[in-house]
Protein backbone atom coordinates (compact mmCIF):
# COMPACT_ATOMS: atom_id res chain seq x y z
CA UNK A 1 33.92 -47.89 -18.47
CA UNK A 2 37.55 -47.96 -18.86
CA UNK A 3 39.86 -47.44 -15.75
CA UNK A 4 41.54 -44.01 -15.81
CA UNK A 5 45.51 -44.73 -16.24
CA UNK A 6 47.26 -44.78 -12.92
CA UNK A 7 50.59 -42.52 -13.01
CA UNK A 8 53.75 -44.22 -11.48
CA UNK A 9 56.19 -41.43 -11.47
CA UNK A 10 56.70 -37.95 -13.28
CA UNK A 11 59.79 -36.06 -13.60
CA UNK A 12 60.88 -32.62 -14.95
CA UNK A 13 63.64 -32.38 -17.61
CA UNK A 14 64.75 -29.48 -19.84
CA UNK A 15 62.88 -30.85 -22.59
CA UNK A 16 59.54 -31.30 -20.67
CA UNK A 17 58.10 -33.55 -18.15
CA UNK A 18 58.12 -37.42 -18.08
CA UNK A 19 55.82 -39.39 -16.92
CA UNK A 20 55.44 -43.37 -16.51
CA UNK A 21 51.82 -44.27 -16.25
CA UNK A 22 49.90 -47.86 -16.53
CA UNK A 23 46.71 -48.07 -18.20
CA UNK A 24 45.14 -51.89 -18.23
CA UNK A 25 48.19 -53.45 -17.50
CA UNK A 26 49.87 -51.48 -20.47
CA UNK A 27 52.69 -49.62 -19.40
CA UNK A 28 52.97 -45.90 -20.85
CA UNK A 29 55.80 -43.20 -21.33
CA UNK A 30 54.64 -39.89 -21.75
CA UNK A 31 56.91 -37.11 -22.84
CA UNK A 32 56.05 -33.27 -22.40
CA UNK A 33 52.32 -34.40 -22.41
CA UNK A 34 52.82 -36.31 -25.66
CA UNK A 35 52.52 -40.29 -25.98
CA UNK A 36 55.85 -41.69 -26.92
CA UNK A 37 55.69 -45.50 -26.82
CA UNK A 38 53.92 -48.13 -24.46
CA UNK A 39 54.55 -51.85 -23.80
CA UNK A 40 51.34 -52.86 -26.09
CA UNK A 41 53.50 -54.04 -29.23
CA UNK A 42 57.35 -53.54 -28.29
CA UNK A 43 58.01 -55.54 -31.42
CA UNK A 44 59.49 -53.02 -33.62
CA UNK A 45 61.82 -51.74 -31.18
CA UNK A 46 63.20 -55.45 -30.69
CA UNK A 47 63.54 -56.01 -34.33
CA UNK A 48 65.76 -52.64 -34.28
CA UNK A 49 68.40 -54.69 -32.34
CA UNK A 50 67.60 -58.02 -33.58
CA UNK A 51 68.41 -56.41 -37.59
CA UNK A 52 71.25 -54.93 -36.44
CA UNK A 53 72.95 -57.69 -34.71
CA UNK A 54 72.01 -60.37 -37.30
CA UNK A 55 74.14 -58.38 -39.38
CA UNK A 56 77.04 -58.19 -37.57
CA UNK A 57 79.85 -60.84 -37.16
CA UNK A 58 81.27 -59.30 -33.88
CA UNK A 59 78.99 -56.95 -32.26
CA UNK A 60 81.14 -56.41 -29.19
CA UNK A 61 80.49 -52.83 -28.51
CA UNK A 62 76.78 -51.05 -29.04
CA UNK A 63 75.44 -47.80 -28.41
CA UNK A 64 71.63 -47.40 -27.80
CA UNK A 65 70.12 -43.80 -28.35
CA UNK A 66 67.24 -43.83 -26.36
CA UNK A 67 66.32 -45.62 -23.28
CA UNK A 68 62.57 -45.74 -23.85
CA UNK A 69 60.94 -48.70 -21.69
CA UNK A 70 64.24 -50.73 -22.47
CA UNK A 71 62.86 -53.30 -24.76
CA UNK A 72 65.90 -52.48 -27.43
CA UNK A 73 68.58 -52.53 -24.77
CA UNK A 74 67.20 -56.46 -23.49
CA UNK A 75 67.46 -57.33 -27.08
CA UNK A 76 70.83 -56.37 -27.44
CA UNK A 77 72.03 -57.80 -24.05
CA UNK A 78 70.18 -61.11 -25.14
CA UNK A 79 73.11 -61.20 -27.48
CA UNK A 80 76.17 -63.11 -25.89
CA UNK A 81 78.64 -61.51 -28.42
CA UNK A 82 77.82 -58.18 -27.16
CA UNK A 83 80.28 -57.23 -24.34
CA UNK A 84 79.16 -53.78 -23.61
CA UNK A 85 76.14 -51.52 -24.16
CA UNK A 86 76.32 -47.77 -23.81
CA UNK A 87 72.59 -46.67 -23.40
CA UNK A 88 72.25 -42.75 -23.83
CA UNK A 89 69.18 -41.38 -22.35
CA UNK A 90 68.40 -37.57 -22.31
CA UNK A 91 65.51 -37.96 -19.48
CA UNK A 92 67.42 -38.09 -16.38
CA UNK A 93 64.18 -39.09 -14.03
CA UNK A 94 63.68 -42.04 -16.75
CA UNK A 95 67.26 -43.36 -15.98
CA UNK A 96 66.77 -42.64 -12.10
CA UNK A 97 63.55 -44.79 -12.30
CA UNK A 98 65.26 -47.49 -14.33
CA UNK A 99 68.18 -47.67 -11.75
CA UNK A 100 65.64 -48.16 -8.84
CA UNK A 101 63.82 -50.60 -10.29
CA UNK A 102 60.66 -48.76 -10.38
CA UNK A 103 58.90 -50.98 -13.06
CA UNK A 104 59.88 -54.51 -14.01
CA UNK A 105 60.10 -53.21 -17.58
CA UNK A 106 63.10 -51.07 -16.94
CA UNK A 107 64.71 -52.77 -13.91
CA UNK A 108 67.90 -54.81 -13.87
CA UNK A 109 69.04 -53.22 -17.05
CA UNK A 110 72.63 -51.70 -15.83
CA UNK A 111 75.29 -53.98 -14.92
CA UNK A 112 78.28 -55.45 -15.84
CA UNK A 113 77.70 -55.19 -19.46
CA UNK A 114 75.46 -52.11 -19.71
CA UNK A 115 75.88 -48.61 -18.78
CA UNK A 116 73.03 -45.95 -18.55
CA UNK A 117 74.27 -42.47 -19.51
CA UNK A 118 72.19 -39.12 -18.89
CA UNK A 119 73.12 -37.18 -22.29
CA UNK A 120 71.96 -36.09 -25.35
CA UNK A 121 72.77 -38.76 -27.94
CA UNK A 122 73.68 -36.23 -30.52
CA UNK A 123 76.34 -34.73 -28.38
CA UNK A 124 77.80 -37.91 -27.67
CA UNK A 125 78.18 -38.83 -31.50
CA UNK A 126 79.58 -35.40 -31.98
CA UNK A 127 82.18 -36.09 -29.14
CA UNK A 128 81.11 -33.29 -27.01
CA UNK A 129 79.54 -35.86 -24.18
CA UNK A 130 80.73 -39.25 -22.86
CA UNK A 131 80.52 -42.11 -23.60
CA UNK A 132 83.16 -42.30 -26.23
CA UNK A 133 83.29 -44.20 -29.17
CA UNK A 134 84.04 -46.07 -31.28
CA UNK A 135 81.10 -48.88 -31.52
CA UNK A 136 80.18 -51.92 -33.63
CA UNK A 137 76.53 -50.66 -33.75
CA UNK A 138 74.69 -47.73 -33.33
CA UNK A 139 71.16 -47.87 -32.65
CA UNK A 140 68.69 -44.79 -32.48
CA UNK A 141 65.33 -44.65 -31.20
CA UNK A 142 65.01 -41.17 -29.64
CA UNK A 143 62.06 -40.11 -31.04
CA UNK A 144 59.03 -40.98 -33.52
CA UNK A 145 61.32 -40.29 -36.53
CA UNK A 146 61.55 -37.09 -38.65
CA UNK A 147 58.14 -36.40 -39.46
CA UNK A 148 56.15 -36.94 -36.48
CA UNK A 149 58.99 -35.68 -33.38
CA UNK A 150 57.90 -35.34 -30.10
CA UNK A 151 60.61 -32.74 -29.35
CA UNK A 152 61.68 -30.22 -32.36
CA UNK A 153 65.16 -30.03 -31.25
CA UNK A 154 65.57 -33.78 -32.31
CA UNK A 155 65.11 -33.16 -35.79
CA UNK A 156 68.89 -32.19 -36.31
CA UNK A 157 69.55 -35.85 -35.41
CA UNK A 158 68.04 -37.37 -38.72
CA UNK A 159 70.05 -34.59 -40.92
CA UNK A 160 73.20 -35.16 -42.46
CA UNK A 161 75.20 -33.76 -40.02
CA UNK A 162 74.28 -35.94 -37.13
CA UNK A 163 74.34 -38.88 -39.66
CA UNK A 164 77.88 -38.37 -40.46
CA UNK A 165 78.86 -37.94 -36.86
CA UNK A 166 77.38 -41.52 -36.62
CA UNK A 167 79.41 -42.90 -39.28
CA UNK A 168 82.68 -41.56 -37.92
CA UNK A 169 82.22 -43.15 -34.57
CA UNK A 170 81.30 -46.63 -36.24
CA UNK A 171 83.98 -49.16 -36.38
CA UNK A 172 85.00 -50.60 -39.75
CA UNK A 173 82.22 -52.53 -41.04
CA UNK A 174 79.98 -51.22 -38.13
CA UNK A 175 76.36 -50.51 -38.44
CA UNK A 176 73.99 -47.60 -37.89
CA UNK A 177 70.23 -48.42 -37.77
CA UNK A 178 67.63 -45.50 -37.01
CA UNK A 179 63.78 -46.29 -35.86
CA UNK A 180 60.75 -44.36 -37.03
CA UNK A 181 57.28 -44.42 -36.94
CA UNK A 182 56.45 -43.68 -40.43
CA UNK A 183 58.39 -44.21 -44.00
CA UNK A 184 60.76 -41.35 -44.06
CA UNK A 185 62.16 -40.67 -47.51
CA UNK A 186 63.91 -37.85 -46.68
CA UNK A 187 65.89 -39.78 -44.17
CA UNK A 188 67.00 -42.41 -46.33
CA UNK A 189 68.40 -39.57 -48.74
CA UNK A 190 69.97 -37.79 -45.69
CA UNK A 191 71.43 -41.53 -45.20
CA UNK A 192 72.70 -41.49 -48.75
CA UNK A 193 74.27 -38.09 -48.49
CA UNK A 194 76.96 -39.00 -46.14
CA UNK A 195 78.30 -42.59 -47.03
CA UNK A 196 81.48 -43.39 -48.27
CA UNK A 197 83.01 -46.13 -50.55
CA UNK A 198 81.83 -49.47 -49.73
CA UNK A 199 78.88 -48.29 -47.56
CA UNK A 200 75.49 -49.70 -48.14
CA UNK A 201 72.15 -47.93 -47.29
CA UNK A 202 69.18 -49.51 -46.48
CA UNK A 203 65.39 -49.23 -45.78
CA UNK A 204 63.20 -51.96 -43.81
CA UNK A 205 59.37 -51.33 -43.59
CA UNK A 206 57.93 -53.18 -40.55
CA UNK A 207 53.68 -53.51 -41.04
CA UNK A 208 52.19 -53.09 -37.71
CA UNK A 209 48.64 -53.66 -36.77
CA UNK A 210 47.90 -50.91 -33.84
CA UNK A 211 44.51 -49.73 -32.55
CA UNK A 212 42.55 -51.06 -35.49
CA UNK A 213 44.93 -49.27 -38.03
CA UNK A 214 47.43 -50.89 -40.63
CA UNK A 215 50.49 -48.88 -39.84
CA UNK A 216 54.10 -48.97 -41.62
CA UNK A 217 57.26 -48.36 -39.41
CA UNK A 218 60.56 -48.27 -40.73
CA UNK A 219 64.16 -48.90 -40.15
CA UNK A 220 66.88 -46.90 -41.76
CA UNK A 221 70.26 -48.13 -41.74
CA UNK A 222 74.06 -48.16 -43.35
CA UNK A 223 76.60 -50.24 -42.91
CA UNK A 224 80.22 -48.76 -42.86
CA UNK A 225 82.23 -50.58 -45.68
CA UNK A 226 85.26 -48.89 -44.84
CA UNK A 227 86.85 -46.74 -41.86
CA UNK A 228 85.03 -43.72 -41.10
CA UNK A 229 86.34 -40.50 -42.46
CA UNK A 230 85.21 -36.66 -42.66
CA UNK A 231 81.78 -36.79 -43.13
């Protein structure tokens, strides 16, 4: 008989409760009663960072939208070229648990090269909240993607307005990459609608075997080929 999950911490946020629990050695993050992610296969969260980093010659400053369980941030910090990582997370309890080192997966992230910020990344991109850009890379993994949202309010993040705001906070030659748990043609079209001269839009499909199923996760990106202007 399977052992029931063990709850490690829970905390309230304006968007609902966040819970950290462990089940048979796997750390799970549950948001507002909905499974968000776990440590069973964090490969695509790492690919989110690796793909962005390998396409940039000098990624000195990086914005990560969504702390999750820290895998994307650790992959970014593993690149010695990165001098500063700003991680923006809406759930204050999750940031608090990371700072307290509650679980090893989240421990030790914040330091000389990494700062955790409690804010809505949409507000950060729009200039309504700190930290301030520009960044060389903007990596967004705040929800499951536009078609399977944990929080309905995140839908706007995948729309042209927020994507144009992300383009404006990129340095020339910078790159935006958005993680999705599924292929999202509408997101691809939204990105194409905000590109400027020299920008390049791309879709990278990531085959994943999970729970006996073959899935297709995806990364959606654009590279800024010119100084960002109005969008």
